[in-house]
Amino acid sequence: MLSGKKILLGVSGSIAAYKAVYLTRLLVKAGAQVQVVITKSAEDFVTPLTFSTLSKSTVYKDLSDETGWNNHVELGLWADLFLIAPATANSIAKFANGTCADMLSAVYLSARCPVMVAPAMDEDMWKHQATRRNIKQLTDDGVQIVPVNTGELASGLVGPGRMAEPEEILIHLESFFKKKSDWRSITALVTAGPTFEDIDPVRFIGNRSSGKMGIAVAEAIAGRGATVHLIIGPTEQRIPSHKNIMAHQVRSSEEMATEAGHLWPSCQLAVLAAAVADYRPAVVADQKIKKDGNTALQLVRTRDIAMELSETKQETQVTVGFALESENAVVNAKSKLSRKRFDFIVLNSLEDRGAGFQGDTNKVTFLFPEAGKTEFELKRKTEVAEDIVVELEKILKRKNLLV
């Protein structure tokens, strides 16, 4: 997939610069042409000679010398993709605010090719509101962000901020260059996150869903050109700013069901990834309930969104469900698949290490009405989303919804 592709690799000053060396080797081995641009601070971690030896080309580092001055525009014209890995908080801030302080930022401002950024920084820097603003600005500018990993950081802390591994970045590049069908004729409905069912003005019934899986699916579908209605419950995750995604933020299962029912007739596709509450309080108290003895909380069933959509589902519509199970996983998922007329269901089990809520990874199995199944190894949720989209494309083509 990368054979013959022209990759411009930008390297900024982070301990993760050592990963850029291995990434350069992987790109060359995959048949890509690689040109490298590094910052002065990156030289404190890896020498230009290392990159020039592996890439078999000149390494650009100084804007002021004759080579840099003549090439900061040409490099952006030459490349099929400009990948910056690692991208420090400082470099990201420069890109987001359009400052031109070195060769790397000058090439970024001159680039006419697509840009992909793989951040690398400490947890507090990654979570800081200034960095969040800058990441949002880059996304709004059309820059693709490679998700960070969670793990041990240079500070010794454990948390999010690690640059993705070179092999993971390679997958993102391959996905970017992969020939994809044009989904511009498709309008999709995706649900994500939890629902909160209020008990009183202070308390609610909820679950641990982060919304990461649904967001990843929405972004993967939007990346194919489809229009996506993302109905998302309360979550701390960043709401996607992709131009093809229209976010509908809701709180309760009732709100999510109403929004889904309103949008469904205009959609060809629904992926129901949200963790919707099965029950809600029969009565919501107007005031905070006091601790004045044992209080019985009467619950009633919530609306079954998947079942409601299935009742009006047309032959030209596709639905995909999710099943998170803790026991008898396959039996329970197959029952749900049949009852709700899904085209396939994505099963994950709490018994699988690394699967389920909150984390960045998932281990899933696709179950089909014809009794077939496809099992996958543990993957990042962004990769699981791509697997779902690949399967959806097959179904959409079978139904003549895609050429």
Protein backbone atom coordinates (compact mmCIF):
# COMPACT_ATOMS: atom_id res chain seq x y z
CA MET A 1 0.00 0.00 0.00
CA LEU A 2 2.90 2.40 0.70
CA SER A 3 5.05 1.34 -2.24
CA GLY A 4 6.08 4.41 -4.21
CA LYS A 5 4.40 6.84 -1.82
CA LYS A 6 6.30 10.00 -0.97
CA ILE A 7 6.34 10.48 2.80
CA LEU A 8 7.71 13.65 4.36
CA LEU A 9 8.59 12.82 7.97
CA GLY A 10 8.87 15.64 10.50
CA VAL A 11 10.64 14.93 13.79
CA SER A 12 10.47 17.28 16.77
CA GLY A 13 12.41 17.25 20.04
CA SER A 14 10.99 14.42 22.13
CA ILE A 15 12.43 11.27 23.66
CA ALA A 16 10.02 9.51 21.28
CA ALA A 17 12.30 10.60 18.42
CA TYR A 18 13.92 7.18 18.69
CA LYS A 19 10.64 5.70 17.44
CA ALA A 20 10.91 7.90 14.34
CA VAL A 21 14.13 6.08 13.48
CA TYR A 22 12.35 2.73 13.47
CA LEU A 23 9.41 4.30 11.64
CA THR A 24 11.76 5.53 8.91
CA ARG A 25 13.09 2.00 8.52
CA LEU A 26 9.56 0.56 8.30
CA LEU A 27 8.53 3.13 5.67
CA VAL A 28 11.57 2.42 3.51
CA LYS A 29 11.05 -1.32 3.89
CA ALA A 30 7.42 -0.84 2.75
CA GLY A 31 8.68 0.80 -0.44
CA ALA A 32 7.99 4.44 0.43
CA GLN A 33 10.25 7.34 -0.50
CA VAL A 34 11.14 9.22 2.69
CA GLN A 35 12.42 12.75 3.24
CA VAL A 36 13.10 13.85 6.82
CA VAL A 37 12.83 17.29 8.43
CA ILE A 38 14.01 17.65 12.03
CA THR A 39 14.16 20.42 14.57
CA LYS A 40 17.32 21.47 16.39
CA SER A 41 15.99 20.03 19.64
CA ALA A 42 15.36 16.69 17.91
CA GLU A 43 19.13 16.48 17.28
CA ASP A 44 19.59 16.16 21.05
CA PHE A 45 17.94 12.74 20.79
CA VAL A 46 18.79 11.42 17.30
CA THR A 47 21.44 12.58 14.84
CA PRO A 48 20.61 13.70 11.28
CA LEU A 49 23.14 11.12 10.07
CA THR A 50 20.94 8.32 11.39
CA PHE A 51 17.95 9.53 9.38
CA SER A 52 19.94 10.27 6.23
CA THR A 53 21.49 6.79 6.34
CA LEU A 54 18.12 5.05 6.71
CA SER A 55 16.20 7.26 4.27
CA LYS A 56 19.09 7.51 1.79
CA SER A 57 18.31 11.20 1.35
CA THR A 58 19.26 14.60 2.72
CA VAL A 59 17.91 15.58 6.12
CA TYR A 60 16.56 19.12 6.31
CA LYS A 61 16.96 21.03 9.55
CA ASP A 62 17.89 24.71 9.04
CA LEU A 63 15.53 27.21 7.48
CA SER A 64 18.24 29.82 7.17
CA ASP A 65 20.76 27.85 5.12
CA GLU A 66 20.56 27.66 1.33
CA THR A 67 19.18 24.12 1.24
CA GLY A 68 16.38 24.84 3.69
CA TRP A 69 15.41 28.20 2.19
CA ASN A 70 15.05 26.69 -1.26
CA ASN A 71 13.23 23.56 -0.16
CA HIS A 72 10.70 24.40 2.58
CA VAL A 73 8.10 24.97 -0.14
CA GLU A 74 9.26 22.24 -2.50
CA LEU A 75 9.09 19.54 0.17
CA GLY A 76 5.41 20.20 0.81
CA LEU A 77 4.74 20.02 -2.93
CA TRP A 78 6.78 16.81 -3.32
CA ALA A 79 5.05 14.77 -0.59
CA ASP A 80 1.94 12.63 -0.82
CA LEU A 81 1.67 12.99 2.96
CA PHE A 82 3.42 15.04 5.63
CA LEU A 83 3.73 12.96 8.83
CA ILE A 84 5.02 14.62 12.00
CA ALA A 85 6.09 11.98 14.52
CA PRO A 86 6.78 12.76 17.26
CA ALA A 87 4.90 16.04 17.51
CA THR A 88 5.59 17.74 20.84
CA ALA A 89 3.20 20.09 22.63
CA ASN A 90 5.42 22.97 21.50
CA SER A 91 5.34 21.93 17.84
CA ILE A 92 1.59 21.36 17.93
CA ALA A 93 1.15 24.86 19.38
CA LYS A 94 3.20 26.32 16.52
CA PHE A 95 1.17 24.47 13.90
CA ALA A 96 -2.17 25.43 15.48
CA ASN A 97 -1.25 29.11 15.72
CA GLY A 98 0.56 29.42 12.40
CA THR A 99 3.93 30.54 13.74
CA CYS A 100 7.03 29.96 11.64
CA ALA A 101 10.02 29.57 13.92
CA ASP A 102 12.01 26.75 12.30
CA MET A 103 12.31 24.52 9.25
CA LEU A 104 9.61 22.11 10.46
CA SER A 105 6.94 24.79 11.03
CA ALA A 106 7.87 26.50 7.75
CA VAL A 107 7.34 23.26 5.85
CA TYR A 108 4.03 22.73 7.69
CA LEU A 109 2.78 26.17 6.63
CA SER A 110 3.89 25.56 3.04
CA ALA A 111 2.55 22.02 2.69
CA ARG A 112 -0.21 21.45 0.16
CA CYS A 113 -0.36 17.72 0.87
CA PRO A 114 -2.42 16.11 3.67
CA VAL A 115 -0.86 16.31 7.15
CA MET A 116 -0.89 13.66 9.88
CA VAL A 117 0.38 14.30 13.41
CA ALA A 118 1.42 11.75 16.06
CA PRO A 119 1.56 13.61 19.40
CA ALA A 120 4.04 12.74 22.15
CA MET A 121 4.11 14.41 25.56
CA ASP A 122 3.49 13.93 29.27
CA GLU A 123 0.00 13.27 30.61
CA ASP A 124 -0.55 16.71 32.16
CA MET A 125 0.58 18.42 28.97
CA TRP A 126 -1.69 16.20 26.86
CA LYS A 127 -4.69 16.96 29.07
CA HIS A 128 -3.98 20.68 29.44
CA GLN A 129 -6.73 22.90 28.05
CA ALA A 130 -4.23 24.73 25.83
CA THR A 131 -3.17 21.48 24.17
CA ARG A 132 -6.79 20.40 23.82
CA ARG A 133 -7.53 23.71 22.04
CA ASN A 134 -4.55 23.25 19.76
CA ILE A 135 -5.49 19.67 18.88
CA LYS A 136 -9.03 20.82 18.09
CA GLN A 137 -7.67 23.59 15.89
CA LEU A 138 -5.51 21.15 13.95
CA THR A 139 -8.48 18.82 13.50
CA ASP A 140 -10.59 21.74 12.29
CA ASP A 141 -7.79 22.57 9.85
CA GLY A 142 -8.05 19.07 8.39
CA VAL A 143 -4.98 17.57 10.10
CA GLN A 144 -5.34 13.89 11.01
CA ILE A 145 -4.37 13.05 14.59
CA VAL A 146 -2.89 9.64 15.38
CA PRO A 147 -4.33 8.68 18.81
CA VAL A 148 -1.83 8.66 21.67
CA ASN A 149 -1.20 5.53 23.72
CA THR A 150 -1.53 5.12 27.47
CA GLY A 151 1.50 3.79 29.30
CA GLU A 152 4.70 4.70 31.09
CA LEU A 153 5.89 8.21 30.20
CA ALA A 154 9.32 9.83 30.30
CA SER A 155 8.39 11.46 33.63
CA GLY A 156 7.85 8.04 35.17
CA LEU A 157 4.10 8.58 35.38
CA VAL A 158 1.65 6.22 33.72
CA GLY A 159 -1.08 7.76 31.59
CA PRO A 160 -2.03 9.00 28.11
CA GLY A 161 0.51 10.88 26.00
CA ARG A 162 2.83 8.20 24.63
CA MET A 163 3.35 8.43 20.90
CA ALA A 164 1.76 5.55 19.00
CA GLU A 165 4.14 2.72 18.18
CA PRO A 166 5.71 2.80 14.68
CA GLU A 167 3.72 -0.26 13.61
CA GLU A 168 0.49 1.47 14.65
CA ILE A 169 1.40 4.61 12.73
CA LEU A 170 2.11 2.46 9.69
CA ILE A 171 -1.44 1.08 9.93
CA HIS A 172 -2.81 4.64 9.93
CA LEU A 173 -0.76 5.46 6.84
CA GLU A 174 -1.91 2.32 5.03
CA SER A 175 -5.51 3.12 5.92
CA PHE A 176 -5.06 6.66 4.58
CA PHE A 177 -3.75 5.44 1.23
CA LYS A 178 -6.08 2.48 0.93
CA LYS A 179 -8.42 2.71 -2.03
CA LYS A 180 -11.84 3.32 -0.56
CA SER A 181 -15.33 3.33 -1.99
CA ASP A 182 -17.07 6.66 -2.15
CA TRP A 183 -19.73 6.72 0.57
CA ARG A 184 -21.04 10.19 -0.23
CA SER A 185 -24.47 8.73 -1.04
CA ILE A 186 -24.73 7.22 2.47
CA THR A 187 -26.24 8.85 5.54
CA ALA A 188 -25.37 6.99 8.73
CA LEU A 189 -26.69 7.03 12.27
CA VAL A 190 -24.22 6.17 15.05
CA THR A 191 -24.97 6.09 18.78
CA ALA A 192 -22.17 6.39 21.33
CA GLY A 193 -21.49 6.75 25.04
CA PRO A 194 -23.66 6.10 28.09
CA THR A 195 -27.05 7.43 29.07
CA PHE A 196 -27.76 9.01 32.45
CA GLU A 197 -31.16 8.32 33.98
CA ASP A 198 -31.95 10.92 36.64
CA ILE A 199 -33.10 9.90 40.12
CA ASP A 200 -33.27 13.46 41.47
CA PRO A 201 -31.50 16.76 40.63
CA VAL A 202 -28.23 15.36 42.04
CA ARG A 203 -28.15 11.60 41.41
CA PHE A 204 -28.52 9.44 38.34
CA ILE A 205 -28.17 5.85 37.11
CA GLY A 206 -25.38 5.47 34.57
CA ASN A 207 -22.66 3.15 33.30
CA ARG A 208 -18.94 3.21 32.55
CA SER A 209 -19.14 3.66 28.77
CA SER A 210 -16.63 6.25 27.54
CA GLY A 211 -18.05 6.65 24.02
CA LYS A 212 -14.65 5.92 22.45
CA MET A 213 -15.87 3.01 20.32
CA GLY A 214 -18.85 4.87 18.89
CA ILE A 215 -16.76 7.96 18.17
CA ALA A 216 -14.17 5.84 16.38
CA VAL A 217 -16.89 4.26 14.23
CA ALA A 218 -18.39 7.66 13.40
CA GLU A 219 -14.99 9.01 12.35
CA ALA A 220 -14.21 5.92 10.26
CA ILE A 221 -17.53 6.17 8.40
CA ALA A 222 -17.16 9.93 7.92
CA GLY A 223 -13.67 9.29 6.56
CA ARG A 224 -15.25 7.36 3.70
CA GLY A 225 -17.30 10.41 2.72
CA ALA A 226 -20.64 9.53 4.35
CA THR A 227 -22.76 11.98 6.30
CA VAL A 228 -22.87 10.83 9.92
CA HIS A 229 -25.40 11.71 12.61
CA LEU A 230 -23.62 10.95 15.90
CA ILE A 231 -26.04 10.71 18.82
CA ILE A 232 -23.82 10.80 21.86
CA GLY A 233 -24.58 10.57 25.55
CA PRO A 234 -22.70 12.28 28.40
CA THR A 235 -18.99 11.71 27.86
CA GLU A 236 -15.67 13.34 28.63
CA GLN A 237 -14.41 12.50 25.15
CA ARG A 238 -13.82 15.20 22.56
CA ILE A 239 -16.79 15.51 20.23
CA PRO A 240 -15.50 14.93 16.68
CA SER A 241 -15.22 18.09 14.58
CA HIS A 242 -15.09 16.26 11.23
CA LYS A 243 -16.98 18.19 8.58
CA ASN A 244 -19.12 15.11 7.77
CA ILE A 245 -20.18 14.49 11.38
CA MET A 246 -23.21 16.17 12.92
CA ALA A 247 -23.22 15.61 16.68
CA HIS A 248 -26.49 15.36 18.60
CA GLN A 249 -25.72 15.47 22.32
CA VAL A 250 -28.27 13.81 24.61
CA ARG A 251 -28.42 12.73 28.24
CA SER A 252 -31.10 10.10 28.76
CA SER A 253 -32.20 6.96 26.96
CA GLU A 254 -35.51 8.68 26.16
CA GLU A 255 -33.69 11.56 24.45
CA MET A 256 -31.44 9.16 22.53
CA ALA A 257 -34.40 7.04 21.40
CA THR A 258 -36.39 10.08 20.28
CA GLU A 259 -33.44 11.49 18.31
CA ALA A 260 -32.69 8.12 16.70
CA GLY A 261 -36.32 7.63 15.71
CA HIS A 262 -36.42 11.07 14.13
CA LEU A 263 -33.23 10.56 12.09
CA TRP A 264 -33.59 6.88 11.11
CA PRO A 265 -35.99 7.28 8.13
CA SER A 266 -33.41 9.42 6.30
CA CYS A 267 -30.51 7.01 6.95
CA GLN A 268 -29.28 3.93 5.11
CA LEU A 269 -27.12 2.73 7.98
CA ALA A 270 -27.19 2.58 11.79
CA VAL A 271 -24.40 1.46 14.10
CA LEU A 272 -25.72 1.25 17.66
CA ALA A 273 -22.59 1.42 19.79
CA ALA A 274 -24.05 3.31 22.77
CA ALA A 275 -24.46 1.64 26.16
CA VAL A 276 -28.09 2.56 26.74
CA ALA A 277 -29.57 2.03 30.20
CA ASP A 278 -32.08 -0.83 30.37
CA TYR A 279 -33.97 0.77 33.25
CA ARG A 280 -34.79 4.26 34.53
CA PRO A 281 -36.50 5.52 37.69
CA ALA A 282 -40.29 5.48 37.38
CA VAL A 283 -40.42 8.89 39.05
CA VAL A 284 -37.74 11.59 39.09
CA ALA A 285 -37.79 13.54 42.35
CA ASP A 286 -37.98 17.33 42.11
CA GLN A 287 -35.74 17.76 45.14
CA LYS A 288 -32.71 15.87 46.41
CA ILE A 289 -33.86 12.71 48.18
CA LYS A 290 -32.85 12.84 51.86
CA LYS A 291 -31.28 10.03 53.84
CA ASP A 292 -34.27 9.45 56.09
CA GLY A 293 -34.46 5.67 56.09
CA ASN A 294 -34.61 2.97 53.48
CA THR A 295 -35.79 4.34 50.15
CA ALA A 296 -37.03 1.91 47.52
CA LEU A 297 -36.30 3.01 43.97
CA GLN A 298 -38.90 1.77 41.51
CA LEU A 299 -37.51 1.18 38.01
CA VAL A 300 -39.21 0.83 34.64
CA ARG A 301 -37.85 -0.39 31.32
CA THR A 302 -36.40 2.15 28.93
CA ARG A 303 -37.24 2.24 25.25
CA ASP A 304 -35.37 -0.37 23.19
CA ILE A 305 -33.79 1.76 20.46
CA ALA A 306 -32.56 -1.18 18.38
CA MET A 307 -35.95 -2.88 18.49
CA GLU A 308 -37.75 0.32 17.50
CA LEU A 309 -35.45 0.83 14.51
CA SER A 310 -35.87 -2.80 13.48
CA GLU A 311 -39.65 -2.41 13.33
CA THR A 312 -39.36 0.15 10.53
CA LYS A 313 -36.18 -1.18 8.92
CA GLN A 314 -36.36 -1.35 5.13
CA GLU A 315 -34.50 -3.72 2.80
CA THR A 316 -32.30 -0.80 1.80
CA GLN A 317 -31.24 -0.14 5.41
CA VAL A 318 -28.42 -1.76 7.39
CA THR A 319 -28.18 -2.05 11.16
CA VAL A 320 -25.26 -3.13 13.34
CA GLY A 321 -25.54 -3.79 17.06
CA PHE A 322 -23.10 -4.26 19.94
CA ALA A 323 -23.26 -6.83 22.71
CA LEU A 324 -21.13 -6.56 25.84
CA GLU A 325 -21.51 -9.80 27.76
CA SER A 326 -20.10 -11.22 30.99
CA GLU A 327 -21.39 -14.80 30.61
CA ASN A 328 -22.83 -17.03 27.85
CA ALA A 329 -21.53 -14.38 25.50
CA VAL A 330 -22.13 -16.03 22.12
CA VAL A 331 -25.58 -17.41 23.04
CA ASN A 332 -26.79 -14.05 24.35
CA ALA A 333 -25.34 -12.12 21.42
CA LYS A 334 -26.94 -14.47 18.87
CA SER A 335 -30.30 -14.01 20.53
CA LYS A 336 -29.94 -10.24 20.33
CA LEU A 337 -28.80 -10.49 16.70
CA SER A 338 -31.94 -12.40 15.73
CA ARG A 339 -34.49 -10.44 17.77
CA LYS A 340 -33.31 -7.06 16.57
CA ARG A 341 -32.73 -7.99 12.91
CA PHE A 342 -29.13 -6.79 12.85
CA ASP A 343 -27.07 -7.38 9.71
CA PHE A 344 -24.31 -8.34 12.13
CA ILE A 345 -23.50 -7.83 15.79
CA VAL A 346 -20.20 -6.88 17.42
CA LEU A 347 -19.61 -9.03 20.48
CA ASN A 348 -17.12 -8.21 23.19
CA SER A 349 -16.81 -9.94 26.52
CA LEU A 350 -15.84 -8.60 29.93
CA GLU A 351 -13.90 -11.84 30.32
CA ASP A 352 -11.38 -10.70 27.67
CA ARG A 353 -8.48 -8.70 29.05
CA GLY A 354 -8.29 -5.26 27.45
CA ALA A 355 -11.90 -5.29 26.17
CA GLY A 356 -14.94 -3.37 27.36
CA PHE A 357 -15.47 0.15 28.68
CA GLN A 358 -13.03 3.03 29.22
CA GLY A 359 -9.91 1.58 27.56
CA ASP A 360 -8.44 2.32 24.14
CA THR A 361 -8.53 -1.32 23.03
CA ASN A 362 -11.19 -3.92 22.33
CA LYS A 363 -11.35 -7.59 21.40
CA VAL A 364 -14.40 -8.35 19.29
CA THR A 365 -16.16 -11.06 17.32
CA PHE A 366 -18.57 -10.36 14.48
CA LEU A 367 -21.61 -12.67 14.49
CA PHE A 368 -23.83 -12.94 11.39
CA PRO A 369 -27.43 -14.13 10.86
CA GLU A 370 -26.21 -17.03 8.72
CA ALA A 371 -24.40 -18.41 11.81
CA GLY A 372 -21.00 -17.31 10.55
CA LYS A 373 -18.54 -15.40 12.69
CA THR A 374 -15.25 -13.54 12.42
CA GLU A 375 -12.94 -13.31 15.43
CA PHE A 376 -10.31 -10.61 15.87
CA GLU A 377 -7.34 -10.22 18.17
CA LEU A 378 -7.08 -7.40 20.71
CA LYS A 379 -6.82 -4.11 18.80
CA ARG A 380 -7.09 -0.39 19.32
CA LYS A 381 -10.68 0.81 19.02
CA THR A 382 -9.76 2.90 15.98
CA GLU A 383 -8.65 -0.31 14.26
CA VAL A 384 -11.81 -2.14 15.36
CA ALA A 385 -13.80 0.71 13.80
CA GLU A 386 -11.98 0.16 10.49
CA ASP A 387 -12.82 -3.56 10.64
CA ILE A 388 -16.48 -2.67 11.16
CA VAL A 389 -16.42 -0.29 8.19
CA VAL A 390 -14.82 -2.93 5.96
CA GLU A 391 -17.64 -5.36 6.82
CA LEU A 392 -20.27 -2.66 6.33
CA GLU A 393 -18.89 -1.91 2.88
CA LYS A 394 -19.46 -5.53 1.83
CA ILE A 395 -23.08 -5.39 3.00
CA LEU A 396 -23.76 -2.00 1.41
CA LYS A 397 -22.43 -3.29 -1.90
CA ARG A 398 -24.57 -6.43 -1.68
CA LYS A 399 -27.61 -4.20 -1.22
CA ASN A 400 -26.51 -2.03 -4.18
CA LEU A 401 -26.14 0.99 -1.91
CA LEU A 402 -22.52 1.38 -2.97
CA VAL A 403 -20.93 0.92 -6.37
